[in-house]
């Protein structure tokens, strides 16, 4: 789970969309089957994984620049959208606004491969595919 939290943080901050004004939209964590088995064997629940990643995947607040609309604008937007932690905590600001903005799926084949996919500053839409 620490590796997933690290993967959620890009080297550079995503450029907030001017119309939506957030750091990131929802995040989809795609576990490979091997990783999914490990996480399940360790007893992680969806809620625990969401909270863990919400708590760990944070940016330093000082990394905001005017190019990224500035921290004040981000905080105001988070307050309006009722983010779980709009003002940040100990100089850190969360990657997503709510733990519920983190989704999980299992996909792929043999090997220990997982991936993180970022939303495009808008609500994630997922549909179950059946045969």
Protein backbone atom coordinates (compact mmCIF):
# COMPACT_ATOMS: atom_id res chain seq x y z
CA UNK A 1 0.00 0.00 0.00
CA UNK A 2 2.95 2.34 0.57
CA UNK A 3 4.02 1.76 -3.03
CA UNK A 4 0.53 2.62 -4.27
CA UNK A 5 0.54 5.83 -2.20
CA UNK A 6 3.89 6.78 -3.72
CA UNK A 7 2.61 6.02 -7.22
CA UNK A 8 -0.32 8.39 -6.61
CA UNK A 9 2.11 11.28 -6.24
CA UNK A 10 3.55 12.46 -9.51
CA UNK A 11 6.87 14.25 -9.78
CA UNK A 12 5.07 17.44 -10.72
CA UNK A 13 1.69 18.57 -9.50
CA UNK A 14 -1.06 18.06 -12.03
CA UNK A 15 -2.19 21.35 -13.54
CA UNK A 16 -5.61 22.01 -12.02
CA UNK A 17 -8.31 22.44 -14.61
CA UNK A 18 -9.46 26.04 -14.50
CA UNK A 19 -13.14 25.11 -14.53
CA UNK A 20 -12.95 22.50 -11.80
CA UNK A 21 -9.93 23.72 -9.84
CA UNK A 22 -8.73 20.58 -8.11
CA UNK A 23 -5.37 18.87 -7.85
CA UNK A 24 -6.72 15.57 -9.06
CA UNK A 25 -10.02 13.95 -9.77
CA UNK A 26 -10.76 10.44 -8.58
CA UNK A 27 -8.00 7.84 -8.67
CA UNK A 28 -8.36 4.25 -9.88
CA UNK A 29 -5.96 1.71 -8.41
CA UNK A 30 -5.74 -1.34 -10.69
CA UNK A 31 -4.28 -4.23 -8.73
CA UNK A 32 -2.79 -7.12 -10.62
CA UNK A 33 -4.15 -10.46 -9.36
CA UNK A 34 -0.96 -11.23 -7.40
CA UNK A 35 -1.07 -7.91 -5.56
CA UNK A 36 -4.81 -8.28 -4.97
CA UNK A 37 -4.19 -11.65 -3.28
CA UNK A 38 -1.52 -10.14 -1.04
CA UNK A 39 -3.75 -7.23 -0.02
CA UNK A 40 -6.67 -9.59 0.64
CA UNK A 41 -4.48 -12.00 2.64
CA UNK A 42 -3.35 -9.11 4.82
CA UNK A 43 -7.00 -8.37 5.60
CA UNK A 44 -7.30 -4.91 4.03
CA UNK A 45 -10.86 -3.70 3.51
CA UNK A 46 -11.83 -1.20 0.81
CA UNK A 47 -12.45 1.42 3.50
CA UNK A 48 -9.06 0.79 5.13
CA UNK A 49 -7.25 1.03 1.78
CA UNK A 50 -9.05 4.25 0.91
CA UNK A 51 -8.24 5.84 4.28
CA UNK A 52 -4.62 4.69 4.18
CA UNK A 53 -4.05 6.12 0.71
CA UNK A 54 -5.93 9.32 1.56
CA UNK A 55 -3.67 9.78 4.59
CA UNK A 56 -0.42 8.89 2.80
CA UNK A 57 -0.79 10.40 -0.69
CA UNK A 58 -0.16 14.07 0.12
CA UNK A 59 1.73 16.95 -1.40
CA UNK A 60 3.70 19.53 0.49
CA UNK A 61 1.58 22.70 0.45
CA UNK A 62 4.62 24.85 -0.46
CA UNK A 63 4.76 23.14 -3.90
CA UNK A 64 1.80 25.21 -5.08
CA UNK A 65 2.76 28.11 -7.30
CA UNK A 66 0.69 30.80 -9.00
CA UNK A 67 0.87 28.63 -12.14
CA UNK A 68 -1.21 26.10 -10.22
CA UNK A 69 -3.80 28.73 -9.24
CA UNK A 70 -2.17 29.14 -5.86
CA UNK A 71 -2.89 27.47 -2.56
CA UNK A 72 -5.54 30.00 -1.49
CA UNK A 73 -7.65 29.22 -4.55
CA UNK A 74 -7.28 25.47 -3.97
CA UNK A 75 -8.32 25.75 -0.32
CA UNK A 76 -11.36 27.91 -1.16
CA UNK A 77 -12.46 25.38 -3.79
CA UNK A 78 -12.03 22.50 -1.37
CA UNK A 79 -14.16 24.28 1.22
CA UNK A 80 -16.93 24.87 -1.35
CA UNK A 81 -16.80 21.21 -2.44
CA UNK A 82 -16.78 20.07 1.22
CA UNK A 83 -13.47 18.24 1.00
CA UNK A 84 -12.68 15.95 3.90
CA UNK A 85 -9.60 18.03 4.74
CA UNK A 86 -9.75 21.35 2.87
CA UNK A 87 -7.01 23.21 4.72
CA UNK A 88 -4.35 20.53 4.75
CA UNK A 89 -2.67 19.00 7.76
CA UNK A 90 0.88 19.67 9.01
CA UNK A 91 1.86 21.45 5.80
CA UNK A 92 0.48 18.70 3.57
CA UNK A 93 -2.55 18.62 1.27
CA UNK A 94 -4.27 15.45 0.14
CA UNK A 95 -4.04 14.13 -3.42
CA UNK A 96 -7.79 13.52 -3.55
CA UNK A 97 -10.49 15.43 -1.70
CA UNK A 98 -12.20 12.42 -0.09
CA UNK A 99 -11.18 8.84 0.64
CA UNK A 100 -14.21 7.82 -1.45
CA UNK A 101 -12.47 9.37 -4.49
CA UNK A 102 -10.19 6.31 -4.58
CA UNK A 103 -11.49 3.30 -6.51
CA UNK A 104 -10.09 -0.21 -6.89
CA UNK A 105 -10.22 -2.95 -9.48
CA UNK A 106 -8.36 -6.17 -10.18
CA UNK A 107 -7.07 -6.68 -13.70
CA UNK A 108 -4.29 -8.27 -15.66
CA UNK A 109 -2.54 -11.60 -15.65
CA UNK A 110 0.51 -13.27 -14.20
CA UNK A 111 3.09 -11.16 -12.43
CA UNK A 112 3.20 -8.55 -9.71
CA UNK A 113 1.98 -5.54 -11.64
CA UNK A 114 -0.40 -2.84 -10.49
CA UNK A 115 -1.11 0.66 -11.77
CA UNK A 116 -2.64 3.96 -10.73
CA UNK A 117 -4.88 5.95 -13.09
CA UNK A 118 -5.82 9.56 -12.46
CA UNK A 119 -9.19 11.13 -13.13
CA UNK A 120 -9.44 14.10 -15.41
CA UNK A 121 -10.63 16.53 -12.72
CA UNK A 122 -14.17 15.21 -13.01
CA UNK A 123 -16.21 12.40 -11.46
CA UNK A 124 -15.12 8.91 -12.42
CA UNK A 125 -17.61 6.78 -14.34
CA UNK A 126 -17.21 3.02 -14.18
CA UNK A 127 -19.42 0.27 -15.53
CA UNK A 128 -19.18 -3.45 -14.86
CA UNK A 129 -18.60 -5.41 -18.04
CA UNK A 130 -20.31 -8.76 -18.29
CA UNK A 131 -20.24 -11.43 -20.98
